[in-house]
Amino acid sequence: MKWFQPIECDKTVKKPLVCDVASFEDDGYNENSFKIGKEIKNWDENTFIKASEKKCNGVPDDVLQNTYMIPIYSERLVNEINNENINGVQYLKIHVKNYYNENYNEFCIANFLNYIEAFNYEKSIFNRFSDDFPNPNVRGQIAGVTKFVLNKEKIKGFDIIRLSEYNSRFFVSEKFVDLFKKN
């Protein structure tokens, strides 16, 4: 089975809505909160994300563009994913607002729970943070990846994963891509 790395800011509508302010920050969450593979409890369903500038106003895509680089899916897309029995995602309802505060209620943050150690170090092309990097917390960790190769045996049975070794990116199976293309 083939795997794909989604492009998170692709224009599928002529003038997309791009959201850049979110109330989840007021609740102690940030974009990294959705990249650790852990279920989020006590989610406030009044949470919103919005476009703060007129130039960011537009039509929301099924995969909402946002400056946090987190997957936010329309209810329509969530329903199709669920109909295909694609598991390992916690959907957190979020209100989407345009620049004029008009509300699009039917969106969810896709919090991926399949946090898999599947990065193939031998075949991937990547670099690491140096041992003298100013932030000691990331020294020796993967800094960037030019070519991803996944260990097939570790991703068998999954359709959406986030790599534990490099959680900035997530990957979807061919089944997910086919569903997306079909709808």
C-alpha atoms as a PDB file:
ATOM      1  CA  MET A   1       0.000   0.000   0.000  1.00  0.00           C
ATOM      2  CA  LYS A   2       1.210   3.502  -0.827  1.00  0.00           C
ATOM      3  CA  TRP A   3       1.372   6.247   1.786  1.00  0.00           C
ATOM      4  CA  PHE A   4       1.151   9.999   1.268  1.00  0.00           C
ATOM      5  CA  GLN A   5       2.104  13.162   3.086  1.00  0.00           C
ATOM      6  CA  PRO A   6      -0.813  15.591   2.708  1.00  0.00           C
ATOM      7  CA  ILE A   7      -0.231  19.151   1.584  1.00  0.00           C
ATOM      8  CA  GLU A   8      -1.886  21.139   4.332  1.00  0.00           C
ATOM      9  CA  CYS A   9      -2.261  24.499   2.575  1.00  0.00           C
ATOM     10  CA  ASP A  10      -3.336  23.551  -0.922  1.00  0.00           C
ATOM     11  CA  LYS A  11      -5.906  25.742  -2.622  1.00  0.00           C
ATOM     12  CA  THR A  12      -8.930  23.660  -3.537  1.00  0.00           C
ATOM     13  CA  VAL A  13     -11.222  26.680  -3.715  1.00  0.00           C
ATOM     14  CA  LYS A  14     -10.510  29.885  -5.599  1.00  0.00           C
ATOM     15  CA  LYS A  15     -10.183  32.161  -2.547  1.00  0.00           C
ATOM     16  CA  PRO A  16      -9.821  30.039   0.584  1.00  0.00           C
ATOM     17  CA  LEU A  17     -10.542  31.123   4.129  1.00  0.00           C
ATOM     18  CA  VAL A  18      -7.277  31.169   6.095  1.00  0.00           C
ATOM     19  CA  CYS A  19      -7.653  31.216   9.870  1.00  0.00           C
ATOM     20  CA  ASP A  20      -4.919  32.643  12.066  1.00  0.00           C
ATOM     21  CA  VAL A  21      -6.404  33.204  15.544  1.00  0.00           C
ATOM     22  CA  ALA A  22      -7.738  30.444  17.792  1.00  0.00           C
ATOM     23  CA  SER A  23      -9.384  30.458  21.206  1.00  0.00           C
ATOM     24  CA  PHE A  24      -7.847  27.082  22.115  1.00  0.00           C
ATOM     25  CA  GLU A  25      -4.762  29.055  23.139  1.00  0.00           C
ATOM     26  CA  ASP A  26      -6.878  30.582  25.945  1.00  0.00           C
ATOM     27  CA  ASP A  27      -7.524  27.039  27.215  1.00  0.00           C
ATOM     28  CA  GLY A  28      -3.816  26.217  27.375  1.00  0.00           C
ATOM     29  CA  TYR A  29      -3.494  24.419  24.021  1.00  0.00           C
ATOM     30  CA  ASN A  30      -1.191  25.232  21.131  1.00  0.00           C
ATOM     31  CA  GLU A  31      -0.486  23.564  17.770  1.00  0.00           C
ATOM     32  CA  ASN A  32       1.826  21.049  19.463  1.00  0.00           C
ATOM     33  CA  SER A  33      -1.040  19.842  21.671  1.00  0.00           C
ATOM     34  CA  PHE A  34      -2.469  18.140  18.576  1.00  0.00           C
ATOM     35  CA  LYS A  35       0.823  16.506  17.543  1.00  0.00           C
ATOM     36  CA  ILE A  36       1.558  14.215  20.492  1.00  0.00           C
ATOM     37  CA  GLY A  37      -0.837  11.341  19.821  1.00  0.00           C
ATOM     38  CA  LYS A  38      -2.813  11.762  23.036  1.00  0.00           C
ATOM     39  CA  GLU A  39      -6.560  12.073  23.438  1.00  0.00           C
ATOM     40  CA  ILE A  40      -7.675  15.510  24.599  1.00  0.00           C
ATOM     41  CA  LYS A  41     -10.209  15.444  27.404  1.00  0.00           C
ATOM     42  CA  ASN A  42     -12.609  18.199  28.504  1.00  0.00           C
ATOM     43  CA  TRP A  43     -12.581  19.920  25.120  1.00  0.00           C
ATOM     44  CA  ASP A  44     -14.634  23.117  25.059  1.00  0.00           C
ATOM     45  CA  GLU A  45     -17.011  22.844  22.090  1.00  0.00           C
ATOM     46  CA  ASN A  46     -17.248  26.651  21.992  1.00  0.00           C
ATOM     47  CA  THR A  47     -13.638  26.789  20.815  1.00  0.00           C
ATOM     48  CA  PHE A  48     -13.189  28.771  17.618  1.00  0.00           C
ATOM     49  CA  ILE A  49     -10.637  29.603  14.979  1.00  0.00           C
ATOM     50  CA  LYS A  50     -10.985  32.661  12.770  1.00  0.00           C
ATOM     51  CA  ALA A  51      -9.511  34.886  10.108  1.00  0.00           C
ATOM     52  CA  SER A  52      -8.344  38.101  11.771  1.00  0.00           C
ATOM     53  CA  GLU A  53      -7.526  39.965   8.560  1.00  0.00           C
ATOM     54  CA  LYS A  54      -9.793  40.859   5.670  1.00  0.00           C
ATOM     55  CA  LYS A  55      -7.241  39.530   3.155  1.00  0.00           C
ATOM     56  CA  CYS A  56      -7.616  36.061   4.761  1.00  0.00           C
ATOM     57  CA  ASN A  57     -11.372  36.012   4.273  1.00  0.00           C
ATOM     58  CA  GLY A  58     -12.756  33.506   1.802  1.00  0.00           C
ATOM     59  CA  VAL A  59     -14.485  30.163   1.418  1.00  0.00           C
ATOM     60  CA  PRO A  60     -13.603  27.371   3.862  1.00  0.00           C
ATOM     61  CA  ASP A  61     -12.147  24.211   2.281  1.00  0.00           C
ATOM     62  CA  ASP A  62     -12.994  20.714   3.492  1.00  0.00           C
ATOM     63  CA  VAL A  63      -9.461  20.854   4.909  1.00  0.00           C
ATOM     64  CA  LEU A  64      -9.408  24.303   6.472  1.00  0.00           C
ATOM     65  CA  GLN A  65      -6.283  26.350   5.888  1.00  0.00           C
ATOM     66  CA  ASN A  66      -4.782  27.738   9.062  1.00  0.00           C
ATOM     67  CA  THR A  67      -1.521  29.195  10.288  1.00  0.00           C
ATOM     68  CA  TYR A  68      -1.244  26.563  13.043  1.00  0.00           C
ATOM     69  CA  MET A  69      -0.701  23.834  10.434  1.00  0.00           C
ATOM     70  CA  ILE A  70      -3.141  21.495  12.199  1.00  0.00           C
ATOM     71  CA  PRO A  71      -5.669  19.409  10.275  1.00  0.00           C
ATOM     72  CA  ILE A  72      -9.149  20.884  10.572  1.00  0.00           C
ATOM     73  CA  TYR A  73     -11.765  18.962   8.601  1.00  0.00           C
ATOM     74  CA  SER A  74     -15.316  19.792   7.557  1.00  0.00           C
ATOM     75  CA  GLU A  75     -18.150  17.697   8.941  1.00  0.00           C
ATOM     76  CA  ARG A  76     -18.662  16.379   5.409  1.00  0.00           C
ATOM     77  CA  LEU A  77     -15.087  15.055   5.281  1.00  0.00           C
ATOM     78  CA  VAL A  78     -15.307  13.657   8.837  1.00  0.00           C
ATOM     79  CA  ASN A  79     -18.481  11.751   7.900  1.00  0.00           C
ATOM     80  CA  GLU A  80     -16.805  10.253   4.823  1.00  0.00           C
ATOM     81  CA  ILE A  81     -13.740   9.238   6.860  1.00  0.00           C
ATOM     82  CA  ASN A  82     -15.981   7.573   9.447  1.00  0.00           C
ATOM     83  CA  ASN A  83     -18.036   5.823   6.737  1.00  0.00           C
ATOM     84  CA  GLU A  84     -14.807   4.217   5.466  1.00  0.00           C
ATOM     85  CA  ASN A  85     -13.902   3.020   8.993  1.00  0.00           C
ATOM     86  CA  ILE A  86     -10.695   5.026   9.109  1.00  0.00           C
ATOM     87  CA  ASN A  87      -9.783   5.001  12.799  1.00  0.00           C
ATOM     88  CA  GLY A  88      -7.261   6.584  15.113  1.00  0.00           C
ATOM     89  CA  VAL A  89      -8.603  10.131  14.996  1.00  0.00           C
ATOM     90  CA  GLN A  90     -10.242  12.136  17.754  1.00  0.00           C
ATOM     91  CA  TYR A  91     -12.491  14.821  16.283  1.00  0.00           C
ATOM     92  CA  LEU A  92     -12.679  18.011  18.336  1.00  0.00           C
ATOM     93  CA  LYS A  93     -15.527  20.295  17.318  1.00  0.00           C
ATOM     94  CA  ILE A  94     -14.435  23.814  16.506  1.00  0.00           C
ATOM     95  CA  HIS A  95     -16.319  26.852  15.270  1.00  0.00           C
ATOM     96  CA  VAL A  96     -14.788  28.448  12.215  1.00  0.00           C
ATOM     97  CA  LYS A  97     -15.336  32.167  11.784  1.00  0.00           C
ATOM     98  CA  ASN A  98     -14.506  34.410   8.888  1.00  0.00           C
ATOM     99  CA  TYR A  99     -13.217  37.963   9.165  1.00  0.00           C
ATOM    100  CA  TYR A 100     -16.788  39.261   9.670  1.00  0.00           C
ATOM    101  CA  ASN A 101     -17.392  36.777  12.542  1.00  0.00           C
ATOM    102  CA  GLU A 102     -19.801  34.737  10.435  1.00  0.00           C
ATOM    103  CA  ASN A 103     -19.755  31.224  11.872  1.00  0.00           C
ATOM    104  CA  TYR A 104     -19.160  27.899  10.122  1.00  0.00           C
ATOM    105  CA  ASN A 105     -20.044  25.396  12.881  1.00  0.00           C
ATOM    106  CA  GLU A 106     -19.411  22.087  11.171  1.00  0.00           C
ATOM    107  CA  PHE A 107     -15.643  21.630  11.522  1.00  0.00           C
ATOM    108  CA  CYS A 108     -13.388  19.496  13.696  1.00  0.00           C
ATOM    109  CA  ILE A 109      -9.714  19.457  14.568  1.00  0.00           C
ATOM    110  CA  ALA A 110      -8.387  16.020  13.599  1.00  0.00           C
ATOM    111  CA  ASN A 111      -6.256  14.912  16.534  1.00  0.00           C
ATOM    112  CA  PHE A 112      -4.365  11.854  15.276  1.00  0.00           C
ATOM    113  CA  LEU A 113      -3.947   9.185  17.938  1.00  0.00           C
ATOM    114  CA  ASN A 114      -1.901   6.709  15.876  1.00  0.00           C
ATOM    115  CA  TYR A 115       1.504   7.907  17.006  1.00  0.00           C
ATOM    116  CA  ILE A 116       3.820   5.365  15.408  1.00  0.00           C
ATOM    117  CA  GLU A 117       7.574   4.803  15.489  1.00  0.00           C
ATOM    118  CA  ALA A 118       7.934   4.023  11.779  1.00  0.00           C
ATOM    119  CA  PHE A 119      10.624   6.335  10.423  1.00  0.00           C
ATOM    120  CA  ASN A 120      13.175   4.396   8.391  1.00  0.00           C
ATOM    121  CA  TYR A 121      16.489   5.978   9.371  1.00  0.00           C
ATOM    122  CA  GLU A 122      18.503   3.964   6.841  1.00  0.00           C
ATOM    123  CA  LYS A 123      16.495   4.904   3.745  1.00  0.00           C
ATOM    124  CA  SER A 124      15.187   8.376   4.611  1.00  0.00           C
ATOM    125  CA  ILE A 125      17.176  11.519   3.871  1.00  0.00           C
ATOM    126  CA  PHE A 126      17.249  13.852   6.867  1.00  0.00           C
ATOM    127  CA  ASN A 127      19.432  15.996   9.101  1.00  0.00           C
ATOM    128  CA  ARG A 128      19.648  16.370  12.872  1.00  0.00           C
ATOM    129  CA  PHE A 129      20.056  19.293  15.236  1.00  0.00           C
ATOM    130  CA  SER A 130      23.733  19.590  16.154  1.00  0.00           C
ATOM    131  CA  ASP A 131      25.071  18.704  19.593  1.00  0.00           C
ATOM    132  CA  ASP A 132      25.770  22.391  20.227  1.00  0.00           C
ATOM    133  CA  PHE A 133      22.350  23.654  19.049  1.00  0.00           C
ATOM    134  CA  PRO A 134      21.173  26.533  21.325  1.00  0.00           C
ATOM    135  CA  ASN A 135      18.047  24.634  22.434  1.00  0.00           C
ATOM    136  CA  PRO A 136      19.378  21.629  24.355  1.00  0.00           C
ATOM    137  CA  ASN A 137      15.942  19.937  24.266  1.00  0.00           C
ATOM    138  CA  VAL A 138      16.216  19.197  20.534  1.00  0.00           C
ATOM    139  CA  ARG A 139      19.909  18.376  20.206  1.00  0.00           C
ATOM    140  CA  GLY A 140      20.372  15.169  18.213  1.00  0.00           C
ATOM    141  CA  GLN A 141      16.722  15.058  17.139  1.00  0.00           C
ATOM    142  CA  ILE A 142      15.553  15.153  13.525  1.00  0.00           C
ATOM    143  CA  ALA A 143      15.670  18.771  12.308  1.00  0.00           C
ATOM    144  CA  GLY A 144      14.344  18.304   8.790  1.00  0.00           C
ATOM    145  CA  VAL A 145      13.503  15.598   6.297  1.00  0.00           C
ATOM    146  CA  THR A 146      14.121  15.739   2.553  1.00  0.00           C
ATOM    147  CA  LYS A 147      12.834  12.230   1.819  1.00  0.00           C
ATOM    148  CA  PHE A 148      10.561  10.177   4.068  1.00  0.00           C
ATOM    149  CA  VAL A 149      10.668   6.393   4.002  1.00  0.00           C
ATOM    150  CA  LEU A 150       8.366   4.517   6.371  1.00  0.00           C
ATOM    151  CA  ASN A 151       8.831   1.016   7.813  1.00  0.00           C
ATOM    152  CA  LYS A 152       5.970  -0.873   6.151  1.00  0.00           C
ATOM    153  CA  GLU A 153       5.656  -3.521   8.832  1.00  0.00           C
ATOM    154  CA  LYS A 154       5.050  -0.878  11.516  1.00  0.00           C
ATOM    155  CA  ILE A 155       2.238   0.927   9.659  1.00  0.00           C
ATOM    156  CA  LYS A 156       0.305  -2.137   8.580  1.00  0.00           C
ATOM    157  CA  GLY A 157      -3.362  -1.839   9.561  1.00  0.00           C
ATOM    158  CA  PHE A 158      -3.351   1.955   9.863  1.00  0.00           C
ATOM    159  CA  ASP A 159      -4.760   4.610   7.523  1.00  0.00           C
ATOM    160  CA  ILE A 160      -3.613   7.777   9.316  1.00  0.00           C
ATOM    161  CA  ILE A 161      -0.441   8.083  11.369  1.00  0.00           C
ATOM    162  CA  ARG A 162       1.818  10.673  12.883  1.00  0.00           C
ATOM    163  CA  LEU A 163       5.463   9.736  13.265  1.00  0.00           C
ATOM    164  CA  SER A 164       6.695   9.713  16.852  1.00  0.00           C
ATOM    165  CA  GLU A 165      10.219  10.489  15.602  1.00  0.00           C
ATOM    166  CA  TYR A 166       9.110  13.591  13.667  1.00  0.00           C
ATOM    167  CA  ASN A 167       5.617  14.644  14.691  1.00  0.00           C
ATOM    168  CA  SER A 168       5.494  17.748  12.470  1.00  0.00           C
ATOM    169  CA  ARG A 169       4.180  15.572   9.651  1.00  0.00           C
ATOM    170  CA  PHE A 170       1.415  13.057   9.314  1.00  0.00           C
ATOM    171  CA  PHE A 171       0.783  10.445   6.664  1.00  0.00           C
ATOM    172  CA  VAL A 172      -2.312   8.906   5.134  1.00  0.00           C
ATOM    173  CA  SER A 173      -2.857   5.638   3.313  1.00  0.00           C
ATOM    174  CA  GLU A 174      -3.932   5.150  -0.266  1.00  0.00           C
ATOM    175  CA  LYS A 175      -7.404   4.314   1.102  1.00  0.00           C
ATOM    176  CA  PHE A 176      -7.614   7.801   2.634  1.00  0.00           C
ATOM    177  CA  VAL A 177      -6.401   9.474  -0.580  1.00  0.00           C
ATOM    178  CA  ASP A 178      -8.936   7.526  -2.681  1.00  0.00           C
ATOM    179  CA  LEU A 179     -11.731   8.586  -0.323  1.00  0.00           C
ATOM    180  CA  PHE A 180     -10.635  12.202  -0.572  1.00  0.00           C
ATOM    181  CA  LYS A 181     -10.460  12.123  -4.378  1.00  0.00           C
ATOM    182  CA  LYS A 182     -13.842  10.418  -4.670  1.00  0.00           C
ATOM    183  CA  ASN A 183     -15.592  13.041  -2.560  1.00  0.00           C
END
